[in-house]
Amino acid sequence: MQGFVRSAGCVLACIVITAGATLGHSQAAPAKPAVGTLMTPATTYGKLLGMLSKEFVDAAEAMPEDKFSFAPPATAGEFKGVRSFGDQVKHVAEANWYFFGGSMSEADNKAKHDAIEKLTTKADIVQALKDSLAQAHTYVDGITAENAFVMTANGTRGGMAAFGIAHMMDHYGQLAVYLRMNGIVPPASRGQM
């Protein structure tokens, strides 16, 4: 009888562990929408922005503070006058306010740009990036089928969101190269080799 109880206990433990893992897995990843499902512009742009925001912030946080001033040396190729790692991050934070600032005035945009340009510490630069991404998400969340392609002062909302996301992708590629030139595997690439 003791062997039966021990075996039943092992079987029950396996069932509980398997059920827990299955439930945990099914709750972690929402179901993919069916083919043909109409997606809102906010959902479409938001998903892209969300993925890229995580990769960009993770890359910025991966570079040690003493390397934020790193720029490839001119001897490594055609790198004369390129932005440093920190300047790349600041540039994207500044540009995000342009792309995703909505109805921000030119004066407010310039003030935001000037304030970000003065930042020197990694913590402040990364926080400016996160603040700009929060604004980007707010902007994207407000894009609807009705307003996505209505002209604004700087272009259509959908066009500005697409351009802003593409702009970040371009600079993410540069951050990845700068990280690798410093012996750091970009966080998005870890575990995939």
C-alpha atoms as a PDB file:
ATOM      1  CA  MET A   1       0.000   0.000   0.000  1.00  0.00           C
ATOM      2  CA  GLN A   2       2.851   2.389   0.818  1.00  0.00           C
ATOM      3  CA  GLY A   3       4.272   1.903  -2.715  1.00  0.00           C
ATOM      4  CA  PHE A   4       0.872   2.669  -4.232  1.00  0.00           C
ATOM      5  CA  VAL A   5       0.528   5.892  -2.218  1.00  0.00           C
ATOM      6  CA  ARG A   6       4.071   6.909  -3.185  1.00  0.00           C
ATOM      7  CA  SER A   7       3.375   6.205  -6.890  1.00  0.00           C
ATOM      8  CA  ALA A   8       0.028   8.013  -6.762  1.00  0.00           C
ATOM      9  CA  GLY A   9       1.733  10.969  -5.094  1.00  0.00           C
ATOM     10  CA  CYS A  10       4.365  11.097  -7.862  1.00  0.00           C
ATOM     11  CA  VAL A  11       1.697  10.915 -10.571  1.00  0.00           C
ATOM     12  CA  LEU A  12      -0.331  13.656  -8.883  1.00  0.00           C
ATOM     13  CA  ALA A  13       2.774  15.847  -8.533  1.00  0.00           C
ATOM     14  CA  CYS A  14       3.552  15.400 -12.249  1.00  0.00           C
ATOM     15  CA  ILE A  15      -0.015  16.342 -13.174  1.00  0.00           C
ATOM     16  CA  VAL A  16       0.065  19.451 -10.979  1.00  0.00           C
ATOM     17  CA  ILE A  17       3.446  20.547 -12.358  1.00  0.00           C
ATOM     18  CA  THR A  18       2.341  19.926 -15.971  1.00  0.00           C
ATOM     19  CA  ALA A  19      -0.987  21.704 -15.452  1.00  0.00           C
ATOM     20  CA  GLY A  20       0.749  24.652 -13.782  1.00  0.00           C
ATOM     21  CA  ALA A  21       3.262  24.958 -16.595  1.00  0.00           C
ATOM     22  CA  THR A  22       0.520  24.674 -19.211  1.00  0.00           C
ATOM     23  CA  LEU A  23      -1.692  27.253 -17.522  1.00  0.00           C
ATOM     24  CA  GLY A  24       1.251  29.562 -16.939  1.00  0.00           C
ATOM     25  CA  HIS A  25       2.273  29.293 -20.585  1.00  0.00           C
ATOM     26  CA  SER A  26      -1.214  29.882 -21.909  1.00  0.00           C
ATOM     27  CA  GLN A  27      -1.645  32.979 -19.734  1.00  0.00           C
ATOM     28  CA  ALA A  28       1.723  34.461 -20.718  1.00  0.00           C
ATOM     29  CA  ALA A  29       1.087  34.710 -24.456  1.00  0.00           C
ATOM     30  CA  PRO A  30      -2.244  36.087 -25.688  1.00  0.00           C
ATOM     31  CA  ALA A  31      -3.799  34.301 -28.608  1.00  0.00           C
ATOM     32  CA  LYS A  32      -2.698  35.499 -32.018  1.00  0.00           C
ATOM     33  CA  PRO A  33      -5.575  37.154 -33.893  1.00  0.00           C
ATOM     34  CA  ALA A  34      -7.074  35.007 -36.626  1.00  0.00           C
ATOM     35  CA  VAL A  35      -6.146  35.696 -40.236  1.00  0.00           C
ATOM     36  CA  GLY A  36      -8.568  38.248 -41.609  1.00  0.00           C
ATOM     37  CA  THR A  37      -9.129  39.954 -38.243  1.00  0.00           C
ATOM     38  CA  LEU A  38      -9.340  43.725 -38.631  1.00  0.00           C
ATOM     39  CA  MET A  39      -6.717  45.314 -36.375  1.00  0.00           C
ATOM     40  CA  THR A  40      -6.893  48.900 -35.188  1.00  0.00           C
ATOM     41  CA  PRO A  41      -4.073  51.295 -36.095  1.00  0.00           C
ATOM     42  CA  ALA A  42      -3.340  51.779 -32.369  1.00  0.00           C
ATOM     43  CA  THR A  43      -2.932  48.021 -31.893  1.00  0.00           C
ATOM     44  CA  THR A  44      -0.774  47.617 -34.987  1.00  0.00           C
ATOM     45  CA  TYR A  45       1.560  50.542 -34.293  1.00  0.00           C
ATOM     46  CA  GLY A  46       1.467  49.857 -30.552  1.00  0.00           C
ATOM     47  CA  LYS A  47       2.735  46.308 -30.945  1.00  0.00           C
ATOM     48  CA  LEU A  48       5.650  47.430 -33.105  1.00  0.00           C
ATOM     49  CA  LEU A  49       6.462  50.339 -30.814  1.00  0.00           C
ATOM     50  CA  GLY A  50       6.271  48.102 -27.745  1.00  0.00           C
ATOM     51  CA  MET A  51       8.724  45.560 -29.115  1.00  0.00           C
ATOM     52  CA  LEU A  52      11.151  48.215 -30.318  1.00  0.00           C
ATOM     53  CA  SER A  53      10.879  50.263 -27.109  1.00  0.00           C
ATOM     54  CA  LYS A  54      11.957  47.259 -25.055  1.00  0.00           C
ATOM     55  CA  GLU A  55      14.905  46.456 -27.331  1.00  0.00           C
ATOM     56  CA  PHE A  56      16.023  50.102 -27.450  1.00  0.00           C
ATOM     57  CA  VAL A  57      15.825  50.691 -23.681  1.00  0.00           C
ATOM     58  CA  ASP A  58      17.518  47.342 -22.971  1.00  0.00           C
ATOM     59  CA  ALA A  59      20.347  48.267 -25.359  1.00  0.00           C
ATOM     60  CA  ALA A  60      20.760  51.703 -23.761  1.00  0.00           C
ATOM     61  CA  GLU A  61      20.833  50.163 -20.293  1.00  0.00           C
ATOM     62  CA  ALA A  62      23.353  47.500 -21.368  1.00  0.00           C
ATOM     63  CA  MET A  63      26.108  50.011 -22.148  1.00  0.00           C
ATOM     64  CA  PRO A  64      28.141  50.908 -19.046  1.00  0.00           C
ATOM     65  CA  GLU A  65      28.057  54.593 -18.134  1.00  0.00           C
ATOM     66  CA  ASP A  66      31.783  54.994 -18.819  1.00  0.00           C
ATOM     67  CA  LYS A  67      31.136  53.869 -22.412  1.00  0.00           C
ATOM     68  CA  PHE A  68      28.231  56.261 -23.114  1.00  0.00           C
ATOM     69  CA  SER A  69      30.757  58.609 -24.736  1.00  0.00           C
ATOM     70  CA  PHE A  70      32.001  55.833 -27.057  1.00  0.00           C
ATOM     71  CA  ALA A  71      32.008  56.519 -30.773  1.00  0.00           C
ATOM     72  CA  PRO A  72      33.817  54.300 -33.253  1.00  0.00           C
ATOM     73  CA  PRO A  73      37.276  55.684 -34.002  1.00  0.00           C
ATOM     74  CA  ALA A  74      37.911  57.155 -37.440  1.00  0.00           C
ATOM     75  CA  THR A  75      40.568  54.467 -37.905  1.00  0.00           C
ATOM     76  CA  ALA A  76      37.843  51.771 -37.803  1.00  0.00           C
ATOM     77  CA  GLY A  77      36.264  52.983 -41.038  1.00  0.00           C
ATOM     78  CA  GLU A  78      34.149  55.939 -42.105  1.00  0.00           C
ATOM     79  CA  PHE A  79      33.213  57.078 -38.593  1.00  0.00           C
ATOM     80  CA  LYS A  80      34.521  60.652 -38.525  1.00  0.00           C
ATOM     81  CA  GLY A  81      32.059  62.910 -36.741  1.00  0.00           C
ATOM     82  CA  VAL A  82      29.483  60.234 -35.812  1.00  0.00           C
ATOM     83  CA  ARG A  83      27.413  60.517 -32.649  1.00  0.00           C
ATOM     84  CA  SER A  84      28.576  58.812 -29.469  1.00  0.00           C
ATOM     85  CA  PHE A  85      26.447  56.041 -27.956  1.00  0.00           C
ATOM     86  CA  GLY A  86      24.878  58.474 -25.487  1.00  0.00           C
ATOM     87  CA  ASP A  87      24.299  61.024 -28.237  1.00  0.00           C
ATOM     88  CA  GLN A  88      22.497  58.361 -30.293  1.00  0.00           C
ATOM     89  CA  VAL A  89      20.150  57.697 -27.363  1.00  0.00           C
ATOM     90  CA  LYS A  90      19.586  61.432 -26.792  1.00  0.00           C
ATOM     91  CA  HIS A  91      18.928  61.942 -30.503  1.00  0.00           C
ATOM     92  CA  VAL A  92      16.194  59.298 -30.482  1.00  0.00           C
ATOM     93  CA  ALA A  93      14.660  60.731 -27.306  1.00  0.00           C
ATOM     94  CA  GLU A  94      14.595  64.186 -28.938  1.00  0.00           C
ATOM     95  CA  ALA A  95      13.243  62.874 -32.244  1.00  0.00           C
ATOM     96  CA  ASN A  96      10.499  60.904 -30.498  1.00  0.00           C
ATOM     97  CA  TRP A  97       9.044  64.182 -29.249  1.00  0.00           C
ATOM     98  CA  TYR A  98       8.942  65.388 -32.859  1.00  0.00           C
ATOM     99  CA  PHE A  99       7.403  62.219 -34.282  1.00  0.00           C
ATOM    100  CA  PHE A 100       5.061  61.457 -31.385  1.00  0.00           C
ATOM    101  CA  GLY A 101       4.595  64.889 -29.771  1.00  0.00           C
ATOM    102  CA  GLY A 102       1.238  65.418 -31.367  1.00  0.00           C
ATOM    103  CA  SER A 103       0.263  69.053 -31.240  1.00  0.00           C
ATOM    104  CA  MET A 104       3.429  70.193 -29.452  1.00  0.00           C
ATOM    105  CA  SER A 105       4.382  73.697 -30.483  1.00  0.00           C
ATOM    106  CA  GLU A 106       7.713  74.434 -32.135  1.00  0.00           C
ATOM    107  CA  ALA A 107       8.788  76.319 -29.014  1.00  0.00           C
ATOM    108  CA  ASP A 108       7.899  73.377 -26.741  1.00  0.00           C
ATOM    109  CA  ASN A 109       9.659  70.956 -29.089  1.00  0.00           C
ATOM    110  CA  LYS A 110      12.788  73.150 -29.084  1.00  0.00           C
ATOM    111  CA  ALA A 111      12.708  73.439 -25.286  1.00  0.00           C
ATOM    112  CA  LYS A 112      12.429  69.639 -24.980  1.00  0.00           C
ATOM    113  CA  HIS A 113      15.296  69.198 -27.470  1.00  0.00           C
ATOM    114  CA  ASP A 114      17.524  71.682 -25.637  1.00  0.00           C
ATOM    115  CA  ALA A 115      16.815  70.097 -22.243  1.00  0.00           C
ATOM    116  CA  ILE A 116      17.669  66.603 -23.513  1.00  0.00           C
ATOM    117  CA  GLU A 117      20.776  67.878 -25.279  1.00  0.00           C
ATOM    118  CA  LYS A 118      22.166  69.116 -21.925  1.00  0.00           C
ATOM    119  CA  LEU A 119      21.926  65.691 -20.262  1.00  0.00           C
ATOM    120  CA  THR A 120      25.238  64.002 -19.427  1.00  0.00           C
ATOM    121  CA  THR A 121      24.602  61.016 -17.136  1.00  0.00           C
ATOM    122  CA  LYS A 122      23.451  57.611 -18.286  1.00  0.00           C
ATOM    123  CA  ALA A 123      20.560  57.646 -15.789  1.00  0.00           C
ATOM    124  CA  ASP A 124      19.285  61.004 -17.052  1.00  0.00           C
ATOM    125  CA  ILE A 125      19.661  60.059 -20.716  1.00  0.00           C
ATOM    126  CA  VAL A 126      17.888  56.721 -20.258  1.00  0.00           C
ATOM    127  CA  GLN A 127      15.103  58.452 -18.307  1.00  0.00           C
ATOM    128  CA  ALA A 128      14.673  60.996 -21.129  1.00  0.00           C
ATOM    129  CA  LEU A 129      14.416  58.063 -23.555  1.00  0.00           C
ATOM    130  CA  LYS A 130      11.783  56.363 -21.375  1.00  0.00           C
ATOM    131  CA  ASP A 131       9.818  59.620 -21.061  1.00  0.00           C
ATOM    132  CA  SER A 132       9.860  60.064 -24.842  1.00  0.00           C
ATOM    133  CA  LEU A 133       8.686  56.479 -25.313  1.00  0.00           C
ATOM    134  CA  ALA A 134       5.828  57.003 -22.851  1.00  0.00           C
ATOM    135  CA  GLN A 135       4.758  59.959 -25.005  1.00  0.00           C
ATOM    136  CA  ALA A 136       5.133  57.806 -28.120  1.00  0.00           C
ATOM    137  CA  HIS A 137       2.819  55.159 -26.657  1.00  0.00           C
ATOM    138  CA  THR A 138       0.263  57.805 -25.684  1.00  0.00           C
ATOM    139  CA  TYR A 139       0.361  59.207 -29.216  1.00  0.00           C
ATOM    140  CA  VAL A 140       0.053  55.777 -30.852  1.00  0.00           C
ATOM    141  CA  ASP A 141      -2.786  54.778 -28.513  1.00  0.00           C
ATOM    142  CA  GLY A 142      -4.743  57.740 -29.907  1.00  0.00           C
ATOM    143  CA  ILE A 143      -4.469  56.676 -33.551  1.00  0.00           C
ATOM    144  CA  THR A 144      -7.801  55.487 -34.917  1.00  0.00           C
ATOM    145  CA  ALA A 145      -9.045  54.393 -38.317  1.00  0.00           C
ATOM    146  CA  GLU A 146     -10.742  57.780 -38.579  1.00  0.00           C
ATOM    147  CA  ASN A 147      -7.675  59.945 -37.790  1.00  0.00           C
ATOM    148  CA  ALA A 148      -4.722  57.822 -38.956  1.00  0.00           C
ATOM    149  CA  PHE A 149      -4.425  59.497 -42.327  1.00  0.00           C
ATOM    150  CA  VAL A 150      -5.765  62.968 -41.629  1.00  0.00           C
ATOM    151  CA  MET A 151      -3.120  65.601 -42.279  1.00  0.00           C
ATOM    152  CA  THR A 152      -1.650  67.395 -39.252  1.00  0.00           C
ATOM    153  CA  ALA A 153       1.032  70.116 -39.070  1.00  0.00           C
ATOM    154  CA  ASN A 154       3.828  67.538 -39.516  1.00  0.00           C
ATOM    155  CA  GLY A 155       2.103  64.819 -41.540  1.00  0.00           C
ATOM    156  CA  THR A 156      -0.515  62.165 -40.888  1.00  0.00           C
ATOM    157  CA  ARG A 157      -0.613  60.419 -37.511  1.00  0.00           C
ATOM    158  CA  GLY A 158      -0.045  57.046 -39.168  1.00  0.00           C
ATOM    159  CA  GLY A 159       2.799  58.414 -41.254  1.00  0.00           C
ATOM    160  CA  MET A 160       4.500  60.063 -38.287  1.00  0.00           C
ATOM    161  CA  ALA A 161       4.183  56.864 -36.227  1.00  0.00           C
ATOM    162  CA  ALA A 162       5.644  54.765 -39.052  1.00  0.00           C
ATOM    163  CA  PHE A 163       8.503  57.224 -39.589  1.00  0.00           C
ATOM    164  CA  GLY A 164       9.199  57.444 -35.844  1.00  0.00           C
ATOM    165  CA  ILE A 165       9.332  53.647 -35.498  1.00  0.00           C
ATOM    166  CA  ALA A 166      11.586  53.324 -38.572  1.00  0.00           C
ATOM    167  CA  HIS A 167      13.843  56.064 -37.206  1.00  0.00           C
ATOM    168  CA  MET A 168      14.254  54.170 -33.929  1.00  0.00           C
ATOM    169  CA  MET A 169      15.013  50.947 -35.820  1.00  0.00           C
ATOM    170  CA  ASP A 170      17.796  52.698 -37.696  1.00  0.00           C
ATOM    171  CA  HIS A 171      19.392  53.978 -34.507  1.00  0.00           C
ATOM    172  CA  TYR A 172      18.858  50.670 -32.695  1.00  0.00           C
ATOM    173  CA  GLY A 173      21.069  49.091 -35.364  1.00  0.00           C
ATOM    174  CA  GLN A 174      23.752  51.648 -34.607  1.00  0.00           C
ATOM    175  CA  LEU A 175      23.481  50.984 -30.860  1.00  0.00           C
ATOM    176  CA  ALA A 176      23.859  47.250 -31.503  1.00  0.00           C
ATOM    177  CA  VAL A 177      27.078  47.861 -33.457  1.00  0.00           C
ATOM    178  CA  TYR A 178      28.447  50.172 -30.730  1.00  0.00           C
ATOM    179  CA  LEU A 179      27.650  47.566 -28.065  1.00  0.00           C
ATOM    180  CA  ARG A 180      29.391  44.809 -30.016  1.00  0.00           C
ATOM    181  CA  MET A 181      32.427  47.035 -30.635  1.00  0.00           C
ATOM    182  CA  ASN A 182      32.681  47.178 -26.831  1.00  0.00           C
ATOM    183  CA  GLY A 183      32.379  43.413 -26.364  1.00  0.00           C
ATOM    184  CA  ILE A 184      28.717  43.548 -25.300  1.00  0.00           C
ATOM    185  CA  VAL A 185      26.103  41.333 -26.932  1.00  0.00           C
ATOM    186  CA  PRO A 186      22.876  43.348 -27.355  1.00  0.00           C
ATOM    187  CA  PRO A 187      20.251  42.034 -24.903  1.00  0.00           C
ATOM    188  CA  ALA A 188      17.844  41.186 -27.744  1.00  0.00           C
ATOM    189  CA  SER A 189      20.478  38.856 -29.221  1.00  0.00           C
ATOM    190  CA  ARG A 190      21.444  37.048 -26.007  1.00  0.00           C
ATOM    191  CA  GLY A 191      20.590  33.387 -25.920  1.00  0.00           C
ATOM    192  CA  GLN A 192      19.999  33.248 -29.669  1.00  0.00           C
ATOM    193  CA  MET A 193      23.503  32.200 -30.661  1.00  0.00           C
END
